[in-house]
Amino acid sequence: MNIHENYIKRCIQLAKNGLGTTFPNPLVGSVIVYKDRIIGEGWHRKAGEQHAEVNAIHSVKDKSLLSKATIYVSLEPCSHFGKTPPCCDLIIKHNIPNVVIGTIDPNNKVAGTGIKRLVENGANVKVGVLEKECNELNKRFFTYHNKKRPYIILKWAESHDDFIAPLEKDKIKPVWISNGYSRQIVHKWRSEEQAILVGTQTVLDDNPILDVRDWKGNNPIRIVLDRNRKIPYNFNVMDKNIKTIIITEQENLVSDENLIFESVIFDNQLSKKIIEILYKLGIQSVFIEGGKQTLQTFIDDNLWDEARVFKSKTILADGIKAPFLKGFSLISKVKDDELKLFYNHD
């Protein structure tokens, strides 16, 4: 690994601190180096707050060193006014002579204009250091801007005999298949995504809250499919404590700030219509937790990017069969659960 890669790797490490808090902005880290020594670093912490480059520059105690330093950033510095001024302007203002960038920003508000602006103002700019790793860091942001849809993660837990749930239940609450440690990891995952999606039957069977109560982080936006508006208003997903979007065939329903109704026809194009709605609403990632029909619809339509599946030692003997995917990689064990990870390369 050369010296530039080493510092961009550090930028990526810093950027990951913002996972789940920067939407709709990307994850970005920045490092400032003078004579092979880091003199400043920062990352984008939250949408609306200062960007990574600004935090890195502000962290440098001796500002006179900036005119002889190199600034590393995992993503192209912005060149437009949003909630904050352009990062390019601050780099130019401090006469930082060398700029090393991991990858180009796909957002058409930037998309090379930041690099152009820096070069026009005399900076020596190098682009494409650990580009693949920097693209992976912002897979949600890149998918949203390049594919015009959110990044889609499927998740379910299945019994040892391949069932996702029992056929019948005595109470309206979840039947836990995975262990408590696995469930806590799921809450961590929820905190990292912008939205979580479930179908009608899951809500009617389990009355889930769909929050991150077992982890510290932001609650995702709840997306609920409810074709005929069967879900009662006293169910958790209707409590307005978390922003919730109900996708339904019913029309002329009154929305408010935290309970939004979106009307579509539930046909064989449903998954695509859902994704179009989420894109329109600026949602960059969605965590789909089932049940079987909802998960299978997205699998059959090949509208998914990765799947995370817990395989437990629980035996149900009968029930609703789990979805099926090929080509998993066993990446870990969570106590007595297996965690399988799938990637969709199509």
Protein backbone atom coordinates (compact mmCIF):
# COMPACT_ATOMS: atom_id res chain seq x y z
CA MET A 1 0.00 0.00 0.00
CA ASN A 2 1.50 3.35 -1.06
CA ILE A 3 1.39 6.52 1.03
CA HIS A 4 -1.69 7.94 -0.71
CA GLU A 5 -3.63 4.70 -0.19
CA ASN A 6 -2.69 4.68 3.47
CA TYR A 7 -4.22 8.10 4.07
CA ILE A 8 -7.34 7.42 1.97
CA LYS A 9 -7.80 4.25 4.02
CA ARG A 10 -7.81 6.47 7.10
CA CYS A 11 -10.42 8.71 5.41
CA ILE A 12 -12.65 5.66 4.91
CA GLN A 13 -12.26 4.68 8.57
CA LEU A 14 -13.28 8.16 9.67
CA ALA A 15 -16.21 8.33 7.25
CA LYS A 16 -17.78 5.17 8.71
CA ASN A 17 -18.39 7.06 11.94
CA GLY A 18 -21.25 8.80 10.15
CA LEU A 19 -23.08 5.63 9.09
CA GLY A 20 -26.80 6.15 9.61
CA THR A 21 -26.62 9.87 10.44
CA THR A 22 -25.64 11.61 7.19
CA PHE A 23 -28.63 10.81 4.93
CA PRO A 24 -29.23 12.18 2.33
CA ASN A 25 -25.55 13.11 2.24
CA PRO A 26 -22.74 10.62 1.62
CA LEU A 27 -20.22 9.25 4.10
CA VAL A 28 -17.01 11.26 3.81
CA GLY A 29 -13.74 11.33 5.71
CA SER A 30 -10.80 13.71 5.33
CA VAL A 31 -7.19 13.81 6.49
CA ILE A 32 -4.65 16.64 6.21
CA VAL A 33 -0.97 15.71 6.03
CA TYR A 34 2.20 17.80 6.34
CA LYS A 35 5.63 16.18 6.05
CA ASP A 36 4.20 12.65 6.45
CA ARG A 37 2.36 13.61 9.62
CA ILE A 38 -1.38 13.94 10.09
CA ILE A 39 -2.11 17.46 11.31
CA GLY A 40 -5.88 17.39 10.96
CA GLU A 41 -8.76 15.04 10.28
CA GLY A 42 -12.54 14.98 10.29
CA TRP A 43 -15.66 13.34 8.94
CA HIS A 44 -19.19 14.35 8.01
CA ARG A 45 -21.20 13.69 11.14
CA LYS A 46 -24.76 14.67 10.27
CA ALA A 47 -26.74 16.13 7.38
CA GLY A 48 -26.86 19.91 7.69
CA GLU A 49 -23.62 20.05 9.67
CA GLN A 50 -20.11 20.79 8.42
CA HIS A 51 -18.59 18.45 5.85
CA ALA A 52 -15.51 16.29 6.39
CA GLU A 53 -13.05 18.70 4.73
CA VAL A 54 -14.29 21.61 6.84
CA ASN A 55 -13.95 19.62 10.07
CA ALA A 56 -10.46 18.49 9.06
CA ILE A 57 -9.30 22.04 8.23
CA HIS A 58 -10.78 23.43 11.46
CA SER A 59 -8.96 20.75 13.46
CA VAL A 60 -5.52 21.96 12.27
CA LYS A 61 -3.98 24.05 15.06
CA ASP A 62 -1.34 25.80 12.96
CA LYS A 63 -3.23 27.06 9.91
CA SER A 64 0.01 28.32 8.32
CA LEU A 65 0.87 24.69 7.52
CA LEU A 66 -2.16 24.33 5.24
CA SER A 67 -0.47 26.16 2.37
CA LYS A 68 2.21 23.42 2.34
CA ALA A 69 -0.01 20.41 3.10
CA THR A 70 -1.98 17.71 1.30
CA ILE A 71 -5.67 17.17 1.98
CA TYR A 72 -7.04 13.67 1.45
CA VAL A 73 -10.76 13.09 1.04
CA SER A 74 -12.68 9.88 0.29
CA LEU A 75 -15.17 11.65 -2.01
CA GLU A 76 -14.83 14.64 -4.33
CA PRO A 77 -15.26 17.94 -2.43
CA CYS A 78 -18.59 19.63 -3.12
CA SER A 79 -18.72 22.73 -5.31
CA HIS A 80 -22.28 23.94 -4.69
CA PHE A 81 -24.20 25.72 -1.96
CA GLY A 82 -26.54 23.45 -0.02
CA LYS A 83 -27.11 23.68 3.73
CA THR A 84 -23.38 24.48 3.96
CA PRO A 85 -20.98 26.41 1.66
CA PRO A 86 -18.86 24.56 -0.95
CA CYS A 87 -15.91 22.67 0.52
CA CYS A 88 -13.87 23.60 -2.57
CA ASP A 89 -14.01 27.25 -1.57
CA LEU A 90 -12.51 26.57 1.86
CA ILE A 91 -9.70 24.46 0.37
CA ILE A 92 -8.96 27.24 -2.13
CA LYS A 93 -9.18 29.91 0.58
CA HIS A 94 -6.46 28.18 2.61
CA ASN A 95 -4.30 27.60 -0.48
CA ILE A 96 -3.94 23.88 0.15
CA PRO A 97 -1.73 22.91 -2.81
CA ASN A 98 -2.36 19.14 -3.02
CA VAL A 99 -5.71 17.36 -3.04
CA VAL A 100 -6.00 13.54 -3.17
CA ILE A 101 -9.51 12.19 -3.82
CA GLY A 102 -10.79 8.63 -3.49
CA THR A 103 -13.63 8.82 -6.02
CA ILE A 104 -15.78 11.25 -8.02
CA ASP A 105 -19.15 12.30 -6.59
CA PRO A 106 -22.02 10.83 -8.73
CA ASN A 107 -24.46 13.56 -7.66
CA ASN A 108 -25.07 15.71 -10.74
CA LYS A 109 -24.74 18.80 -8.53
CA VAL A 110 -21.04 17.90 -8.20
CA ALA A 111 -19.93 15.13 -10.63
CA GLY A 112 -16.49 16.47 -11.47
CA THR A 113 -17.15 20.18 -10.99
CA GLY A 114 -15.41 20.14 -7.61
CA ILE A 115 -12.25 18.71 -9.17
CA LYS A 116 -12.47 21.20 -12.05
CA ARG A 117 -12.79 24.12 -9.66
CA LEU A 118 -9.76 23.03 -7.62
CA VAL A 119 -7.60 22.56 -10.72
CA GLU A 120 -8.65 25.94 -12.12
CA ASN A 121 -7.47 27.51 -8.87
CA GLY A 122 -4.02 25.93 -9.05
CA ALA A 123 -4.38 22.80 -6.91
CA ASN A 124 -2.53 19.62 -7.80
CA VAL A 125 -5.37 17.07 -7.80
CA LYS A 126 -5.05 13.28 -7.83
CA VAL A 127 -8.22 11.19 -8.26
CA GLY A 128 -9.02 7.47 -7.96
CA VAL A 129 -7.01 6.33 -4.94
CA LEU A 130 -8.69 3.22 -3.46
CA GLU A 131 -11.59 4.06 -5.75
CA LYS A 132 -13.29 0.67 -5.38
CA GLU A 133 -13.18 0.86 -1.59
CA CYS A 134 -14.48 4.45 -1.62
CA ASN A 135 -17.36 3.44 -3.90
CA GLU A 136 -18.21 0.55 -1.56
CA LEU A 137 -18.20 2.95 1.39
CA ASN A 138 -20.99 4.92 -0.30
CA LYS A 139 -22.86 2.05 -1.95
CA ARG A 140 -26.16 3.55 -0.76
CA PHE A 141 -25.39 7.03 -2.11
CA PHE A 142 -24.00 5.68 -5.41
CA THR A 143 -26.94 3.31 -5.96
CA TYR A 144 -29.41 6.13 -5.37
CA HIS A 145 -27.73 8.52 -7.83
CA ASN A 146 -26.61 6.01 -10.47
CA LYS A 147 -29.51 3.53 -10.45
CA LYS A 148 -32.22 5.98 -9.36
CA ARG A 149 -33.35 3.73 -6.51
CA PRO A 150 -32.44 3.01 -2.90
CA TYR A 151 -29.90 0.38 -1.89
CA ILE A 152 -31.97 -2.67 -0.90
CA ILE A 153 -31.05 -5.04 1.93
CA LEU A 154 -33.16 -8.12 2.66
CA LYS A 155 -33.13 -9.69 6.11
CA TRP A 156 -34.79 -12.69 7.68
CA ALA A 157 -34.24 -15.37 10.29
CA GLU A 158 -34.98 -19.00 9.47
CA SER A 159 -35.22 -22.14 11.56
CA HIS A 160 -32.87 -25.06 11.18
CA ASP A 161 -35.55 -26.76 9.09
CA ASP A 162 -35.96 -23.69 6.79
CA PHE A 163 -39.11 -22.05 8.11
CA ILE A 164 -39.45 -18.29 8.58
CA ALA A 165 -42.51 -18.39 10.88
CA PRO A 166 -45.10 -20.81 12.30
CA LEU A 167 -48.40 -21.24 10.45
CA GLU A 168 -50.49 -20.26 13.48
CA LYS A 169 -49.90 -18.09 16.55
CA ASP A 170 -51.70 -17.62 19.85
CA LYS A 171 -50.77 -13.96 20.35
CA ILE A 172 -50.06 -10.86 18.25
CA LYS A 173 -46.34 -10.65 18.90
CA PRO A 174 -43.14 -11.89 17.22
CA VAL A 175 -42.05 -15.51 17.44
CA TRP A 176 -38.30 -15.30 17.90
CA ILE A 177 -36.26 -17.71 15.80
CA SER A 178 -32.83 -16.12 16.19
CA ASN A 179 -31.13 -15.49 19.53
CA GLY A 180 -30.97 -12.23 21.51
CA TYR A 181 -27.51 -11.33 20.25
CA SER A 182 -28.65 -11.66 16.64
CA ARG A 183 -31.67 -9.47 17.36
CA GLN A 184 -29.42 -6.78 18.80
CA ILE A 185 -27.28 -6.87 15.65
CA VAL A 186 -30.48 -6.38 13.62
CA HIS A 187 -31.22 -3.22 15.61
CA LYS A 188 -27.72 -1.99 14.85
CA TRP A 189 -28.36 -2.67 11.15
CA ARG A 190 -31.64 -0.78 11.32
CA SER A 191 -29.81 2.25 12.70
CA GLU A 192 -27.52 2.22 9.64
CA GLU A 193 -30.30 2.41 7.03
CA GLN A 194 -32.65 5.23 6.14
CA ALA A 195 -35.82 3.13 6.03
CA ILE A 196 -37.26 -0.25 7.02
CA LEU A 197 -40.03 -2.00 5.07
CA VAL A 198 -42.54 -4.69 6.08
CA GLY A 199 -45.76 -6.10 4.65
CA THR A 200 -49.29 -6.07 6.03
CA GLN A 201 -49.29 -9.59 7.43
CA THR A 202 -46.10 -9.04 9.41
CA VAL A 203 -47.69 -6.04 11.13
CA LEU A 204 -51.00 -7.82 11.81
CA ASP A 205 -49.21 -10.93 13.15
CA ASP A 206 -46.48 -9.26 15.21
CA ASN A 207 -47.50 -5.61 15.85
CA PRO A 208 -43.80 -4.62 15.58
CA ILE A 209 -42.38 -1.24 16.60
CA LEU A 210 -39.57 -1.35 13.97
CA ASP A 211 -37.25 0.87 16.00
CA VAL A 212 -33.68 0.55 17.36
CA ARG A 213 -34.50 0.18 21.05
CA ASP A 214 -31.70 -2.39 21.53
CA TRP A 215 -29.07 -0.11 19.97
CA LYS A 216 -28.08 3.55 20.15
CA GLY A 217 -28.86 5.28 16.86
CA ASN A 218 -31.52 6.81 14.66
CA ASN A 219 -34.78 5.00 14.04
CA PRO A 220 -35.31 4.29 10.34
CA ILE A 221 -38.36 5.61 8.49
CA ARG A 222 -41.03 2.90 8.62
CA ILE A 223 -42.44 1.77 5.25
CA VAL A 224 -45.56 -0.37 5.58
CA LEU A 225 -47.46 -2.10 2.76
CA ASP A 226 -51.19 -2.04 3.54
CA ARG A 227 -53.18 -2.59 0.36
CA ASN A 228 -56.69 -2.42 1.84
CA ARG A 229 -55.88 -0.42 5.02
CA LYS A 230 -56.35 -3.39 7.35
CA ILE A 231 -53.90 -2.18 10.01
CA PRO A 232 -55.77 -0.59 12.96
CA TYR A 233 -54.76 2.86 14.17
CA ASN A 234 -53.91 1.48 17.62
CA PHE A 235 -51.04 -0.63 16.21
CA ASN A 236 -47.45 0.49 16.86
CA VAL A 237 -46.64 1.46 13.27
CA MET A 238 -49.51 3.98 13.32
CA ASP A 239 -48.42 5.75 16.53
CA LYS A 240 -46.65 8.66 14.73
CA ASN A 241 -43.67 8.38 17.10
CA ILE A 242 -41.50 7.54 14.07
CA LYS A 243 -41.99 8.84 10.55
CA THR A 244 -44.05 6.20 8.74
CA ILE A 245 -45.09 5.83 5.10
CA ILE A 246 -48.12 3.63 4.37
CA ILE A 247 -48.26 2.33 0.79
CA THR A 248 -51.86 1.44 -0.05
CA GLU A 249 -54.42 1.22 -2.84
CA GLN A 250 -56.79 3.44 -0.88
CA GLU A 251 -56.99 7.01 -2.15
CA ASN A 252 -57.57 10.42 -0.57
CA LEU A 253 -56.23 9.45 2.85
CA VAL A 254 -55.06 12.42 4.92
CA SER A 255 -51.31 12.52 5.64
CA ASP A 256 -49.42 14.51 8.23
CA GLU A 257 -45.74 15.02 9.01
CA ASN A 258 -45.13 11.60 10.58
CA LEU A 259 -47.82 9.49 8.90
CA ILE A 260 -47.77 9.67 5.12
CA PHE A 261 -50.05 7.75 2.75
CA GLU A 262 -48.89 6.89 -0.77
CA SER A 263 -51.46 5.39 -3.14
CA VAL A 264 -50.52 2.83 -5.83
CA ILE A 265 -52.15 -0.09 -7.60
CA PHE A 266 -50.95 -3.42 -6.16
CA ASP A 267 -50.16 -5.38 -9.32
CA ASN A 268 -47.22 -7.37 -10.70
CA GLN A 269 -45.20 -4.13 -10.89
CA LEU A 270 -45.60 -3.41 -7.18
CA SER A 271 -41.95 -3.73 -6.15
CA LYS A 272 -40.91 -1.28 -8.88
CA LYS A 273 -43.63 1.16 -7.83
CA ILE A 274 -42.48 0.95 -4.21
CA ILE A 275 -38.91 1.70 -5.24
CA GLU A 276 -40.07 4.65 -7.36
CA ILE A 277 -41.92 6.08 -4.34
CA LEU A 278 -38.87 5.69 -2.10
CA TYR A 279 -36.64 7.32 -4.72
CA LYS A 280 -39.09 10.22 -5.07
CA LEU A 281 -39.01 10.69 -1.29
CA GLY A 282 -35.19 10.78 -1.27
CA ILE A 283 -34.72 7.48 0.57
CA GLN A 284 -31.28 6.07 -0.24
CA SER A 285 -31.47 2.72 1.54
CA VAL A 286 -34.18 0.36 2.72
CA PHE A 287 -33.96 -2.64 5.05
CA ILE A 288 -36.66 -5.16 4.12
CA GLU A 289 -37.59 -7.45 7.01
CA GLY A 290 -40.39 -9.48 5.48
CA GLY A 291 -42.46 -11.52 5.74
CA LYS A 292 -42.19 -14.22 3.14
CA GLN A 293 -44.41 -12.68 0.45
CA THR A 294 -42.75 -9.26 0.63
CA LEU A 295 -39.22 -10.70 0.58
CA GLN A 296 -40.03 -13.12 -2.22
CA THR A 297 -41.53 -10.35 -4.37
CA PHE A 298 -38.28 -8.38 -4.32
CA ILE A 299 -36.23 -11.55 -4.91
CA ASP A 300 -38.38 -12.61 -7.87
CA ASP A 301 -38.13 -9.12 -9.39
CA ASN A 302 -34.36 -9.12 -8.80
CA LEU A 303 -34.67 -5.86 -6.89
CA TRP A 304 -32.17 -6.35 -4.08
CA ASP A 305 -28.49 -5.69 -3.42
CA GLU A 306 -27.67 -7.86 -0.43
CA ALA A 307 -29.38 -10.26 1.94
CA ARG A 308 -28.52 -11.06 5.56
CA VAL A 309 -29.93 -14.33 6.83
CA PHE A 310 -29.75 -15.81 10.31
CA LYS A 311 -29.97 -19.60 10.47
CA SER A 312 -30.84 -20.80 13.95
CA LYS A 313 -30.89 -24.21 15.63
CA THR A 314 -34.60 -23.81 16.35
CA ILE A 315 -36.83 -26.56 14.93
CA LEU A 316 -40.36 -25.49 13.93
CA ALA A 317 -41.32 -28.77 12.17
CA ASP A 318 -43.92 -26.89 10.14
CA GLY A 319 -44.64 -23.33 9.10
CA ILE A 320 -44.04 -20.74 6.37
CA LYS A 321 -41.06 -21.69 4.21
CA ALA A 322 -38.18 -19.21 4.14
CA PRO A 323 -37.16 -17.52 0.87
CA PHE A 324 -34.32 -19.18 -1.02
CA LEU A 325 -31.15 -17.62 -2.40
CA LYS A 326 -28.03 -19.22 -3.85
CA GLY A 327 -24.39 -18.40 -3.30
CA PHE A 328 -24.14 -17.36 0.33
CA SER A 329 -20.92 -16.72 2.21
CA LEU A 330 -20.87 -17.83 5.82
CA ILE A 331 -19.26 -14.82 7.43
CA SER A 332 -19.76 -15.42 11.13
CA LYS A 333 -21.51 -17.11 13.99
CA VAL A 334 -23.56 -15.17 16.50
CA LYS A 335 -23.51 -17.48 19.49
CA ASP A 336 -25.46 -20.50 18.14
CA ASP A 337 -26.87 -18.72 15.06
CA GLU A 338 -25.20 -18.77 11.65
CA LEU A 339 -25.11 -15.51 9.72
CA LYS A 340 -25.15 -15.88 5.94
CA LEU A 341 -24.52 -12.94 3.62
CA PHE A 342 -25.61 -12.82 -0.02
CA TYR A 343 -24.70 -10.25 -2.68
CA ASN A 344 -26.62 -9.65 -5.89
CA HIS A 345 -24.11 -9.11 -8.69
CA ASP A 346 -26.69 -8.92 -11.50
